[in-house]
Amino acid sequence: MITAKKIGVLAGGISAEREVSLKSGNAIYKALLGRGYNAVFIDAAEDLHALITSQKVEVVFIALHGGQGENGSVQGFLEVMGIPYTGSGVLASAVAMDKETSKKIFLYHGIPVPLFKIIHRDELLGTIETVAAGCLIGGPMIDFGMPWVIKPATEGSSIGVHIVKNGDELGPALDDAFKYGDTIIVEQYVKGKEVQIGILGQKALGGVEVRTSLEFYSYEAKYIPGHTNYVLPPDVSEEDYEMLKTTALRAHNALGCAGATRVDLILDAGGKAYLLEINTIPGMTETSLLPKIAKLAGLEFADLIEEILKSSLEH
């Protein structure tokens, strides 16, 4: 046993990813109980300070996805309380969640990302239809061709994400993406193999290639069984695999991440890797990718949970 301290598994919350977070949290909670830890499940939708205090929690295992649980807010709250927690710190969490900022940092470190344009709601005039027309005629200076990936700048689990192939699809995609925040990203669609690399501490555990029957690796593809095949290890050359793992670890360190992260990349037909994003609190459901990657590396689910917990007590 790594610690005798009481562990609070923080899940649920109020973000758009609440249901997935509850599943992750329950899986983590059961794994900790199975290993004999003194653990309690906490739904972060309630008065968090009161719950943590009343339960006498000494360490927090964060299983929140999206929103305040993943953007550094909860991390800062726990630091003020003096309670150690799993995963990345305040700054790394905030930067990783903000795709605009993280992309700029990746570029600074020479890590390729797809061409993109940031659109802020307060920069725009008129209706969504007017904005869409402006995009097509270069209003917001989108100077790369379709298809585009439209996504909110601060959401996860592919919520609000759309692939746009023509002007008719643009308006509805923009309208939906703006439901999840005031900033969206228009990104050039890169065709290739989608590979997710799992990072634990300073080690790339390995990766998985995601092949979905849907248009892209959407929310449904991620969380509804039957839509996606997972190729472990990825069907890429050994040289490309090592390059992908190296790129993922570089991205993890560029943002100052800690603990376990999942790094999403696209490998195009020419062998070039594009960094999509980093998830600082990867899903822990039955279809989640980090547990699959960890198992490939010889770590069962409970082993992975213990390693993540251990890292929280070392920093």
C-alpha atoms as a PDB file:
ATOM      1  CA  MET A   1       0.000   0.000   0.000  1.00  0.00           C
ATOM      2  CA  ILE A   2       1.369   3.406  -1.020  1.00  0.00           C
ATOM      3  CA  THR A   3      -0.413   5.435   1.666  1.00  0.00           C
ATOM      4  CA  ALA A   4      -2.669   4.963   4.679  1.00  0.00           C
ATOM      5  CA  LYS A   5      -4.111   8.452   4.221  1.00  0.00           C
ATOM      6  CA  LYS A   6      -7.793   8.857   3.422  1.00  0.00           C
ATOM      7  CA  ILE A   7      -8.282   9.312  -0.325  1.00  0.00           C
ATOM      8  CA  GLY A   8     -11.157  11.289  -1.789  1.00  0.00           C
ATOM      9  CA  VAL A   9     -12.032  10.325  -5.364  1.00  0.00           C
ATOM     10  CA  LEU A  10     -13.350  13.519  -6.913  1.00  0.00           C
ATOM     11  CA  ALA A  11     -15.761  12.936  -9.809  1.00  0.00           C
ATOM     12  CA  GLY A  12     -18.961  14.173 -11.431  1.00  0.00           C
ATOM     13  CA  GLY A  13     -18.915  17.933 -11.138  1.00  0.00           C
ATOM     14  CA  ILE A  14     -20.926  20.260 -13.342  1.00  0.00           C
ATOM     15  CA  SER A  15     -19.132  20.160 -16.699  1.00  0.00           C
ATOM     16  CA  ALA A  16     -20.535  18.767 -19.949  1.00  0.00           C
ATOM     17  CA  GLU A  17     -18.498  15.623 -19.239  1.00  0.00           C
ATOM     18  CA  ARG A  18     -20.176  14.883 -15.907  1.00  0.00           C
ATOM     19  CA  GLU A  19     -21.532  11.430 -16.830  1.00  0.00           C
ATOM     20  CA  VAL A  20     -18.185  10.198 -18.134  1.00  0.00           C
ATOM     21  CA  SER A  21     -16.475  11.567 -15.037  1.00  0.00           C
ATOM     22  CA  LEU A  22     -18.843   9.649 -12.759  1.00  0.00           C
ATOM     23  CA  LYS A  23     -17.943   6.424 -14.579  1.00  0.00           C
ATOM     24  CA  SER A  24     -14.231   7.161 -14.306  1.00  0.00           C
ATOM     25  CA  GLY A  25     -14.546   8.030 -10.644  1.00  0.00           C
ATOM     26  CA  ASN A  26     -16.472   4.883  -9.775  1.00  0.00           C
ATOM     27  CA  ALA A  27     -13.918   2.686 -11.549  1.00  0.00           C
ATOM     28  CA  ILE A  28     -11.058   4.383  -9.672  1.00  0.00           C
ATOM     29  CA  TYR A  29     -12.919   4.197  -6.360  1.00  0.00           C
ATOM     30  CA  LYS A  30     -13.567   0.464  -6.749  1.00  0.00           C
ATOM     31  CA  ALA A  31      -9.942  -0.169  -7.702  1.00  0.00           C
ATOM     32  CA  LEU A  32      -8.701   1.649  -4.602  1.00  0.00           C
ATOM     33  CA  LEU A  33     -11.086  -0.250  -2.336  1.00  0.00           C
ATOM     34  CA  GLY A  34      -9.963  -3.489  -3.978  1.00  0.00           C
ATOM     35  CA  ARG A  35      -6.369  -2.696  -3.037  1.00  0.00           C
ATOM     36  CA  GLY A  36      -7.354  -1.963   0.560  1.00  0.00           C
ATOM     37  CA  TYR A  37      -7.167   1.834   0.526  1.00  0.00           C
ATOM     38  CA  ASN A  38      -9.272   4.045   2.761  1.00  0.00           C
ATOM     39  CA  ALA A  39     -11.196   5.785  -0.018  1.00  0.00           C
ATOM     40  CA  VAL A  40     -14.397   7.791  -0.319  1.00  0.00           C
ATOM     41  CA  PHE A  41     -16.314   8.832  -3.448  1.00  0.00           C
ATOM     42  CA  ILE A  42     -17.102  12.553  -3.703  1.00  0.00           C
ATOM     43  CA  ASP A  43     -19.410  14.131  -6.279  1.00  0.00           C
ATOM     44  CA  ALA A  44     -17.946  17.568  -6.948  1.00  0.00           C
ATOM     45  CA  ALA A  45     -21.359  18.969  -7.871  1.00  0.00           C
ATOM     46  CA  GLU A  46     -21.942  19.575  -4.159  1.00  0.00           C
ATOM     47  CA  ASP A  47     -20.220  22.017  -1.747  1.00  0.00           C
ATOM     48  CA  LEU A  48     -16.700  20.764  -2.323  1.00  0.00           C
ATOM     49  CA  HIS A  49     -15.067  22.375   0.686  1.00  0.00           C
ATOM     50  CA  ALA A  50     -17.724  21.021   3.038  1.00  0.00           C
ATOM     51  CA  LEU A  51     -17.512  17.510   1.592  1.00  0.00           C
ATOM     52  CA  ILE A  52     -13.720  17.299   1.722  1.00  0.00           C
ATOM     53  CA  THR A  53     -13.654  18.711   5.240  1.00  0.00           C
ATOM     54  CA  SER A  54     -16.451  16.546   6.622  1.00  0.00           C
ATOM     55  CA  GLN A  55     -14.939  13.406   5.121  1.00  0.00           C
ATOM     56  CA  LYS A  56     -11.490  14.300   6.503  1.00  0.00           C
ATOM     57  CA  VAL A  57      -9.888  13.713   3.094  1.00  0.00           C
ATOM     58  CA  GLU A  58      -6.080  13.835   3.112  1.00  0.00           C
ATOM     59  CA  VAL A  59      -5.343  13.113  -0.577  1.00  0.00           C
ATOM     60  CA  VAL A  60      -7.549  13.760  -3.619  1.00  0.00           C
ATOM     61  CA  PHE A  61      -7.639  11.541  -6.687  1.00  0.00           C
ATOM     62  CA  ILE A  62      -9.089  13.821  -9.366  1.00  0.00           C
ATOM     63  CA  ALA A  63     -11.366  12.051 -11.845  1.00  0.00           C
ATOM     64  CA  LEU A  64     -13.086  15.179 -13.131  1.00  0.00           C
ATOM     65  CA  HIS A  65     -13.238  15.723 -16.890  1.00  0.00           C
ATOM     66  CA  GLY A  66     -13.609  19.148 -18.445  1.00  0.00           C
ATOM     67  CA  GLY A  67     -14.680  22.416 -16.855  1.00  0.00           C
ATOM     68  CA  GLN A  68     -13.352  23.518 -13.472  1.00  0.00           C
ATOM     69  CA  GLY A  69     -12.079  20.049 -12.634  1.00  0.00           C
ATOM     70  CA  GLU A  70      -9.585  19.993 -15.461  1.00  0.00           C
ATOM     71  CA  ASN A  71      -8.776  23.652 -16.086  1.00  0.00           C
ATOM     72  CA  GLY A  72      -6.737  24.287 -12.943  1.00  0.00           C
ATOM     73  CA  SER A  73      -9.539  25.679 -10.769  1.00  0.00           C
ATOM     74  CA  VAL A  74      -9.981  22.614  -8.560  1.00  0.00           C
ATOM     75  CA  GLN A  75      -6.221  22.124  -8.476  1.00  0.00           C
ATOM     76  CA  GLY A  76      -5.768  25.661  -7.128  1.00  0.00           C
ATOM     77  CA  PHE A  77      -8.568  25.131  -4.627  1.00  0.00           C
ATOM     78  CA  LEU A  78      -6.858  21.999  -3.296  1.00  0.00           C
ATOM     79  CA  GLU A  79      -3.509  23.771  -3.067  1.00  0.00           C
ATOM     80  CA  VAL A  80      -5.090  26.504  -0.947  1.00  0.00           C
ATOM     81  CA  MET A  81      -6.491  23.754   1.296  1.00  0.00           C
ATOM     82  CA  GLY A  82      -3.047  22.143   1.481  1.00  0.00           C
ATOM     83  CA  ILE A  83      -4.293  18.804   0.129  1.00  0.00           C
ATOM     84  CA  PRO A  84      -2.134  16.813  -2.323  1.00  0.00           C
ATOM     85  CA  TYR A  85      -3.849  15.705  -5.520  1.00  0.00           C
ATOM     86  CA  THR A  86      -3.208  13.569  -8.571  1.00  0.00           C
ATOM     87  CA  GLY A  87      -2.227  14.829 -11.992  1.00  0.00           C
ATOM     88  CA  SER A  88      -0.903  18.107 -13.308  1.00  0.00           C
ATOM     89  CA  GLY A  89      -0.692  21.340 -11.352  1.00  0.00           C
ATOM     90  CA  VAL A  90      -2.652  24.554 -11.756  1.00  0.00           C
ATOM     91  CA  LEU A  91      -0.771  26.083 -14.679  1.00  0.00           C
ATOM     92  CA  ALA A  92      -0.294  22.914 -16.726  1.00  0.00           C
ATOM     93  CA  SER A  93      -3.951  21.970 -16.242  1.00  0.00           C
ATOM     94  CA  ALA A  94      -5.145  25.404 -17.335  1.00  0.00           C
ATOM     95  CA  VAL A  95      -2.873  25.542 -20.369  1.00  0.00           C
ATOM     96  CA  ALA A  96      -3.670  22.012 -21.549  1.00  0.00           C
ATOM     97  CA  MET A  97      -7.402  22.690 -21.304  1.00  0.00           C
ATOM     98  CA  ASP A  98      -7.088  25.885 -23.342  1.00  0.00           C
ATOM     99  CA  LYS A  99      -6.388  24.659 -26.867  1.00  0.00           C
ATOM    100  CA  GLU A 100      -5.489  28.143 -28.097  1.00  0.00           C
ATOM    101  CA  THR A 101      -2.721  28.587 -25.530  1.00  0.00           C
ATOM    102  CA  SER A 102      -1.444  25.017 -25.718  1.00  0.00           C
ATOM    103  CA  LYS A 103      -1.151  25.105 -29.511  1.00  0.00           C
ATOM    104  CA  LYS A 104       0.947  28.259 -29.312  1.00  0.00           C
ATOM    105  CA  ILE A 105       3.246  26.629 -26.752  1.00  0.00           C
ATOM    106  CA  PHE A 106       3.604  23.505 -28.908  1.00  0.00           C
ATOM    107  CA  LEU A 107       4.599  25.668 -31.860  1.00  0.00           C
ATOM    108  CA  TYR A 108       7.148  27.511 -29.708  1.00  0.00           C
ATOM    109  CA  HIS A 109       8.729  24.146 -28.862  1.00  0.00           C
ATOM    110  CA  GLY A 110       8.771  23.078 -32.504  1.00  0.00           C
ATOM    111  CA  ILE A 111       5.997  20.509 -32.131  1.00  0.00           C
ATOM    112  CA  PRO A 112       3.832  20.498 -35.299  1.00  0.00           C
ATOM    113  CA  VAL A 113       0.099  21.167 -35.001  1.00  0.00           C
ATOM    114  CA  PRO A 114      -2.515  21.417 -37.775  1.00  0.00           C
ATOM    115  CA  LEU A 115      -3.073  24.876 -39.248  1.00  0.00           C
ATOM    116  CA  PHE A 116      -5.654  26.695 -37.139  1.00  0.00           C
ATOM    117  CA  LYS A 117      -7.530  29.934 -36.586  1.00  0.00           C
ATOM    118  CA  ILE A 118      -8.957  31.146 -33.291  1.00  0.00           C
ATOM    119  CA  ILE A 119     -12.353  32.836 -33.341  1.00  0.00           C
ATOM    120  CA  HIS A 120     -13.531  34.784 -30.266  1.00  0.00           C
ATOM    121  CA  ARG A 121     -17.212  35.528 -29.945  1.00  0.00           C
ATOM    122  CA  ASP A 122     -16.647  39.163 -28.950  1.00  0.00           C
ATOM    123  CA  GLU A 123     -14.665  39.775 -32.146  1.00  0.00           C
ATOM    124  CA  LEU A 124     -17.639  38.900 -34.291  1.00  0.00           C
ATOM    125  CA  LEU A 125     -20.558  40.925 -35.524  1.00  0.00           C
ATOM    126  CA  GLY A 126     -23.880  39.645 -36.777  1.00  0.00           C
ATOM    127  CA  THR A 127     -25.542  36.258 -36.709  1.00  0.00           C
ATOM    128  CA  ILE A 128     -23.898  32.862 -36.976  1.00  0.00           C
ATOM    129  CA  GLU A 129     -24.930  32.828 -40.643  1.00  0.00           C
ATOM    130  CA  THR A 130     -23.083  36.113 -41.181  1.00  0.00           C
ATOM    131  CA  VAL A 131     -20.044  34.768 -39.374  1.00  0.00           C
ATOM    132  CA  ALA A 132     -20.094  31.602 -41.468  1.00  0.00           C
ATOM    133  CA  ALA A 133     -20.227  33.653 -44.643  1.00  0.00           C
ATOM    134  CA  GLY A 134     -17.339  35.727 -43.353  1.00  0.00           C
ATOM    135  CA  CYS A 135     -15.280  32.607 -42.749  1.00  0.00           C
ATOM    136  CA  LEU A 136     -15.855  31.444 -46.291  1.00  0.00           C
ATOM    137  CA  ILE A 137     -14.862  34.746 -47.867  1.00  0.00           C
ATOM    138  CA  GLY A 138     -11.899  35.235 -45.543  1.00  0.00           C
ATOM    139  CA  GLY A 139     -13.569  37.471 -42.961  1.00  0.00           C
ATOM    140  CA  PRO A 140     -11.730  35.991 -39.944  1.00  0.00           C
ATOM    141  CA  MET A 141      -8.691  35.334 -42.177  1.00  0.00           C
ATOM    142  CA  ILE A 142      -9.042  31.586 -42.550  1.00  0.00           C
ATOM    143  CA  ASP A 143      -6.519  31.046 -45.290  1.00  0.00           C
ATOM    144  CA  PHE A 144      -6.498  27.259 -45.550  1.00  0.00           C
ATOM    145  CA  GLY A 145      -8.930  25.042 -47.357  1.00  0.00           C
ATOM    146  CA  MET A 146     -11.643  22.678 -46.152  1.00  0.00           C
ATOM    147  CA  PRO A 147     -12.289  20.223 -44.610  1.00  0.00           C
ATOM    148  CA  TRP A 148     -12.104  21.996 -41.241  1.00  0.00           C
ATOM    149  CA  VAL A 149     -12.462  20.722 -37.706  1.00  0.00           C
ATOM    150  CA  ILE A 150     -14.583  23.092 -35.623  1.00  0.00           C
ATOM    151  CA  LYS A 151     -14.190  22.700 -31.868  1.00  0.00           C
ATOM    152  CA  PRO A 152     -14.653  24.633 -28.600  1.00  0.00           C
ATOM    153  CA  ALA A 153     -11.331  25.874 -27.238  1.00  0.00           C
ATOM    154  CA  THR A 154     -11.906  24.594 -23.705  1.00  0.00           C
ATOM    155  CA  GLU A 155     -13.873  21.336 -23.842  1.00  0.00           C
ATOM    156  CA  GLY A 156     -12.907  17.674 -23.969  1.00  0.00           C
ATOM    157  CA  SER A 157     -14.364  14.294 -24.978  1.00  0.00           C
ATOM    158  CA  SER A 158     -14.960  15.690 -28.499  1.00  0.00           C
ATOM    159  CA  ILE A 159     -17.964  17.644 -27.230  1.00  0.00           C
ATOM    160  CA  GLY A 160     -19.057  20.300 -29.715  1.00  0.00           C
ATOM    161  CA  VAL A 161     -16.622  19.042 -32.373  1.00  0.00           C
ATOM    162  CA  HIS A 162     -17.623  18.948 -36.046  1.00  0.00           C
ATOM    163  CA  ILE A 163     -15.910  18.197 -39.336  1.00  0.00           C
ATOM    164  CA  VAL A 164     -17.007  20.733 -41.943  1.00  0.00           C
ATOM    165  CA  LYS A 165     -16.616  19.912 -45.635  1.00  0.00           C
ATOM    166  CA  ASN A 166     -18.696  22.702 -47.200  1.00  0.00           C
ATOM    167  CA  GLY A 167     -20.290  26.043 -46.480  1.00  0.00           C
ATOM    168  CA  ASP A 168     -23.705  24.576 -45.689  1.00  0.00           C
ATOM    169  CA  GLU A 169     -22.259  22.670 -42.720  1.00  0.00           C
ATOM    170  CA  LEU A 170     -20.366  25.623 -41.287  1.00  0.00           C
ATOM    171  CA  GLY A 171     -23.170  27.630 -39.668  1.00  0.00           C
ATOM    172  CA  PRO A 172     -24.622  24.774 -37.593  1.00  0.00           C
ATOM    173  CA  ALA A 173     -21.101  23.682 -36.548  1.00  0.00           C
ATOM    174  CA  LEU A 174     -20.195  27.180 -35.353  1.00  0.00           C
ATOM    175  CA  ASP A 175     -23.513  27.519 -33.549  1.00  0.00           C
ATOM    176  CA  ASP A 176     -22.995  24.255 -31.649  1.00  0.00           C
ATOM    177  CA  ALA A 177     -19.344  24.905 -30.800  1.00  0.00           C
ATOM    178  CA  PHE A 178     -20.152  28.332 -29.362  1.00  0.00           C
ATOM    179  CA  LYS A 179     -22.594  26.681 -26.923  1.00  0.00           C
ATOM    180  CA  TYR A 180     -19.553  25.478 -24.964  1.00  0.00           C
ATOM    181  CA  GLY A 181     -17.635  28.724 -24.661  1.00  0.00           C
ATOM    182  CA  ASP A 182     -16.768  32.067 -26.169  1.00  0.00           C
ATOM    183  CA  THR A 183     -13.726  30.836 -28.094  1.00  0.00           C
ATOM    184  CA  ILE A 184     -13.612  28.220 -30.825  1.00  0.00           C
ATOM    185  CA  ILE A 185     -10.913  26.804 -33.041  1.00  0.00           C
ATOM    186  CA  VAL A 186     -11.133  26.285 -36.781  1.00  0.00           C
ATOM    187  CA  GLU A 187      -8.499  23.668 -37.528  1.00  0.00           C
ATOM    188  CA  GLN A 188      -7.376  22.151 -40.801  1.00  0.00           C
ATOM    189  CA  TYR A 189      -8.460  18.524 -41.023  1.00  0.00           C
ATOM    190  CA  VAL A 190      -5.447  16.226 -41.324  1.00  0.00           C
ATOM    191  CA  LYS A 191      -6.159  12.819 -42.815  1.00  0.00           C
ATOM    192  CA  GLY A 192      -4.133  10.045 -41.261  1.00  0.00           C
ATOM    193  CA  LYS A 193      -3.889   7.548 -38.438  1.00  0.00           C
ATOM    194  CA  GLU A 194      -5.093   8.778 -35.068  1.00  0.00           C
ATOM    195  CA  VAL A 195      -2.689   7.562 -32.402  1.00  0.00           C
ATOM    196  CA  GLN A 196      -3.020   8.196 -28.683  1.00  0.00           C
ATOM    197  CA  ILE A 197       0.091   7.934 -26.524  1.00  0.00           C
ATOM    198  CA  GLY A 198      -0.086   7.345 -22.774  1.00  0.00           C
ATOM    199  CA  ILE A 199       2.416   9.148 -20.552  1.00  0.00           C
ATOM    200  CA  LEU A 200       3.112   8.255 -16.930  1.00  0.00           C
ATOM    201  CA  GLY A 201       5.617  10.494 -15.185  1.00  0.00           C
ATOM    202  CA  GLN A 202       8.563  10.741 -17.560  1.00  0.00           C
ATOM    203  CA  LYS A 203       7.803   7.584 -19.515  1.00  0.00           C
ATOM    204  CA  ALA A 204       5.796   7.014 -22.683  1.00  0.00           C
ATOM    205  CA  LEU A 205       3.919   3.808 -21.844  1.00  0.00           C
ATOM    206  CA  GLY A 206       2.932   3.119 -25.438  1.00  0.00           C
ATOM    207  CA  GLY A 207       0.035   3.913 -27.704  1.00  0.00           C
ATOM    208  CA  VAL A 208      -3.144   2.843 -29.394  1.00  0.00           C
ATOM    209  CA  GLU A 209      -4.417   3.513 -32.887  1.00  0.00           C
ATOM    210  CA  VAL A 210      -8.071   4.484 -32.991  1.00  0.00           C
ATOM    211  CA  ARG A 211     -10.172   3.314 -35.940  1.00  0.00           C
ATOM    212  CA  THR A 212     -13.794   4.370 -35.804  1.00  0.00           C
ATOM    213  CA  SER A 213     -16.710   3.509 -38.061  1.00  0.00           C
ATOM    214  CA  LEU A 214     -18.063   7.028 -37.496  1.00  0.00           C
ATOM    215  CA  GLU A 215     -16.876  10.175 -39.279  1.00  0.00           C
ATOM    216  CA  PHE A 216     -14.294  10.868 -36.585  1.00  0.00           C
ATOM    217  CA  TYR A 217     -13.437   9.879 -33.011  1.00  0.00           C
ATOM    218  CA  SER A 218     -16.493  11.645 -31.599  1.00  0.00           C
ATOM    219  CA  TYR A 219     -18.147  11.497 -28.162  1.00  0.00           C
ATOM    220  CA  GLU A 220     -20.252   8.555 -29.361  1.00  0.00           C
ATOM    221  CA  ALA A 221     -17.203   6.760 -30.757  1.00  0.00           C
ATOM    222  CA  LYS A 222     -15.376   7.216 -27.463  1.00  0.00           C
ATOM    223  CA  TYR A 223     -18.058   6.148 -25.025  1.00  0.00           C
ATOM    224  CA  ILE A 224     -20.540   3.894 -26.819  1.00  0.00           C
ATOM    225  CA  PRO A 225     -19.045   0.418 -27.372  1.00  0.00           C
ATOM    226  CA  GLY A 226     -19.086  -0.991 -30.902  1.00  0.00           C
ATOM    227  CA  HIS A 227     -18.217   2.122 -32.900  1.00  0.00           C
ATOM    228  CA  THR A 228     -14.440   1.928 -32.571  1.00  0.00           C
ATOM    229  CA  ASN A 229     -11.643  -0.585 -32.990  1.00  0.00           C
ATOM    230  CA  TYR A 230      -8.466  -0.161 -30.980  1.00  0.00           C
ATOM    231  CA  VAL A 231      -5.201  -1.357 -32.490  1.00  0.00           C
ATOM    232  CA  LEU A 232      -2.592  -2.070 -29.821  1.00  0.00           C
ATOM    233  CA  PRO A 233       0.183  -1.353 -30.530  1.00  0.00           C
ATOM    234  CA  PRO A 234      -0.580   1.055 -33.410  1.00  0.00           C
ATOM    235  CA  ASP A 235      -0.163  -0.255 -36.948  1.00  0.00           C
ATOM    236  CA  VAL A 236       2.810   1.981 -37.728  1.00  0.00           C
ATOM    237  CA  SER A 237       6.493   1.362 -38.331  1.00  0.00           C
ATOM    238  CA  GLU A 238       8.785   0.989 -35.335  1.00  0.00           C
ATOM    239  CA  GLU A 239      10.518   4.218 -36.332  1.00  0.00           C
ATOM    240  CA  ASP A 240       7.232   6.132 -36.512  1.00  0.00           C
ATOM    241  CA  TYR A 241       6.097   4.624 -33.207  1.00  0.00           C
ATOM    242  CA  GLU A 242       9.222   5.837 -31.429  1.00  0.00           C
ATOM    243  CA  MET A 243       8.822   9.254 -33.044  1.00  0.00           C
ATOM    244  CA  LEU A 244       5.208   9.481 -31.859  1.00  0.00           C
ATOM    245  CA  LYS A 245       6.181   8.523 -28.304  1.00  0.00           C
ATOM    246  CA  THR A 246       9.025  11.045 -28.281  1.00  0.00           C
ATOM    247  CA  THR A 247       6.739  13.798 -29.609  1.00  0.00           C
ATOM    248  CA  ALA A 248       4.105  12.985 -26.984  1.00  0.00           C
ATOM    249  CA  LEU A 249       6.602  13.157 -24.119  1.00  0.00           C
ATOM    250  CA  ARG A 250       7.987  16.442 -25.477  1.00  0.00           C
ATOM    251  CA  ALA A 251       4.454  17.871 -25.523  1.00  0.00           C
ATOM    252  CA  HIS A 252       3.782  16.603 -21.985  1.00  0.00           C
ATOM    253  CA  ASN A 253       6.915  18.356 -20.752  1.00  0.00           C
ATOM    254  CA  ALA A 254       6.349  21.503 -22.834  1.00  0.00           C
ATOM    255  CA  LEU A 255       3.205  22.192 -20.802  1.00  0.00           C
ATOM    256  CA  GLY A 256       4.775  21.081 -17.518  1.00  0.00           C
ATOM    257  CA  CYS A 257       2.353  18.190 -17.033  1.00  0.00           C
ATOM    258  CA  ALA A 258       2.675  15.640 -14.224  1.00  0.00           C
ATOM    259  CA  GLY A 259       1.286  12.198 -13.424  1.00  0.00           C
ATOM    260  CA  ALA A 260      -0.610  10.492 -16.239  1.00  0.00           C
ATOM    261  CA  THR A 261      -1.655  12.178 -19.462  1.00  0.00           C
ATOM    262  CA  ARG A 262      -2.954  11.027 -22.823  1.00  0.00           C
ATOM    263  CA  VAL A 263      -1.517  12.751 -25.872  1.00  0.00           C
ATOM    264  CA  ASP A 264      -3.549  12.724 -29.098  1.00  0.00           C
ATOM    265  CA  LEU A 265      -1.736  12.821 -32.438  1.00  0.00           C
ATOM    266  CA  ILE A 266      -2.363  12.302 -36.151  1.00  0.00           C
ATOM    267  CA  LEU A 267       0.231  10.560 -38.329  1.00  0.00           C
ATOM    268  CA  ASP A 268      -0.291  11.553 -41.962  1.00  0.00           C
ATOM    269  CA  ALA A 269       0.532   9.469 -45.035  1.00  0.00           C
ATOM    270  CA  GLY A 270       3.919  11.154 -45.324  1.00  0.00           C
ATOM    271  CA  GLY A 271       4.951  10.102 -41.836  1.00  0.00           C
ATOM    272  CA  LYS A 272       4.559  13.536 -40.217  1.00  0.00           C
ATOM    273  CA  ALA A 273       3.025  13.683 -36.744  1.00  0.00           C
ATOM    274  CA  TYR A 274       0.648  16.478 -35.749  1.00  0.00           C
ATOM    275  CA  LEU A 275      -0.132  17.131 -32.099  1.00  0.00           C
ATOM    276  CA  LEU A 276      -3.872  17.552 -31.502  1.00  0.00           C
ATOM    277  CA  GLU A 277      -4.125  17.991 -27.728  1.00  0.00           C
ATOM    278  CA  ILE A 278      -3.158  16.707 -24.295  1.00  0.00           C
ATOM    279  CA  ASN A 279      -5.675  15.334 -21.815  1.00  0.00           C
ATOM    280  CA  THR A 280      -4.376  15.898 -18.281  1.00  0.00           C
ATOM    281  CA  ILE A 281      -7.102  13.764 -16.690  1.00  0.00           C
ATOM    282  CA  PRO A 282      -7.599  10.865 -19.100  1.00  0.00           C
ATOM    283  CA  GLY A 283     -10.798   8.867 -18.953  1.00  0.00           C
ATOM    284  CA  MET A 284     -10.897   5.746 -16.801  1.00  0.00           C
ATOM    285  CA  THR A 285     -14.032   4.066 -18.181  1.00  0.00           C
ATOM    286  CA  GLU A 286     -14.274   0.594 -19.700  1.00  0.00           C
ATOM    287  CA  THR A 287     -13.630   2.071 -23.156  1.00  0.00           C
ATOM    288  CA  SER A 288     -10.963   4.596 -22.122  1.00  0.00           C
ATOM    289  CA  LEU A 289      -7.622   4.563 -23.862  1.00  0.00           C
ATOM    290  CA  LEU A 290      -5.078   5.103 -21.101  1.00  0.00           C
ATOM    291  CA  PRO A 291      -6.026   1.876 -19.272  1.00  0.00           C
ATOM    292  CA  LYS A 292      -5.728  -0.010 -22.586  1.00  0.00           C
ATOM    293  CA  ILE A 293      -2.280   1.480 -23.203  1.00  0.00           C
ATOM    294  CA  ALA A 294      -1.169   0.772 -19.630  1.00  0.00           C
ATOM    295  CA  LYS A 295      -2.259  -2.863 -19.908  1.00  0.00           C
ATOM    296  CA  LEU A 296      -0.161  -3.206 -23.052  1.00  0.00           C
ATOM    297  CA  ALA A 297       2.783  -1.954 -20.952  1.00  0.00           C
ATOM    298  CA  GLY A 298       2.083  -4.562 -18.250  1.00  0.00           C
ATOM    299  CA  LEU A 299       0.031  -2.421 -15.856  1.00  0.00           C
ATOM    300  CA  GLU A 300      -3.372  -3.690 -14.825  1.00  0.00           C
ATOM    301  CA  PHE A 301      -6.021  -1.066 -14.057  1.00  0.00           C
ATOM    302  CA  ALA A 302      -5.403  -1.087 -10.289  1.00  0.00           C
ATOM    303  CA  ASP A 303      -1.632  -0.910 -10.884  1.00  0.00           C
ATOM    304  CA  LEU A 304      -2.130   2.187 -13.022  1.00  0.00           C
ATOM    305  CA  ILE A 305      -4.280   3.800 -10.338  1.00  0.00           C
ATOM    306  CA  GLU A 306      -1.615   3.131  -7.716  1.00  0.00           C
ATOM    307  CA  GLU A 307       1.126   4.593  -9.920  1.00  0.00           C
ATOM    308  CA  ILE A 308      -0.916   7.760 -10.474  1.00  0.00           C
ATOM    309  CA  LEU A 309      -1.582   7.991  -6.728  1.00  0.00           C
ATOM    310  CA  LYS A 310       2.119   7.496  -5.990  1.00  0.00           C
ATOM    311  CA  SER A 311       3.082  10.368  -8.270  1.00  0.00           C
ATOM    312  CA  SER A 312       0.755  12.719  -6.366  1.00  0.00           C
ATOM    313  CA  LEU A 313       2.610  12.043  -3.116  1.00  0.00           C
ATOM    314  CA  GLU A 314       6.053  12.608  -4.629  1.00  0.00           C
ATOM    315  CA  HIS A 315       5.623  16.269  -5.633  1.00  0.00           C
END
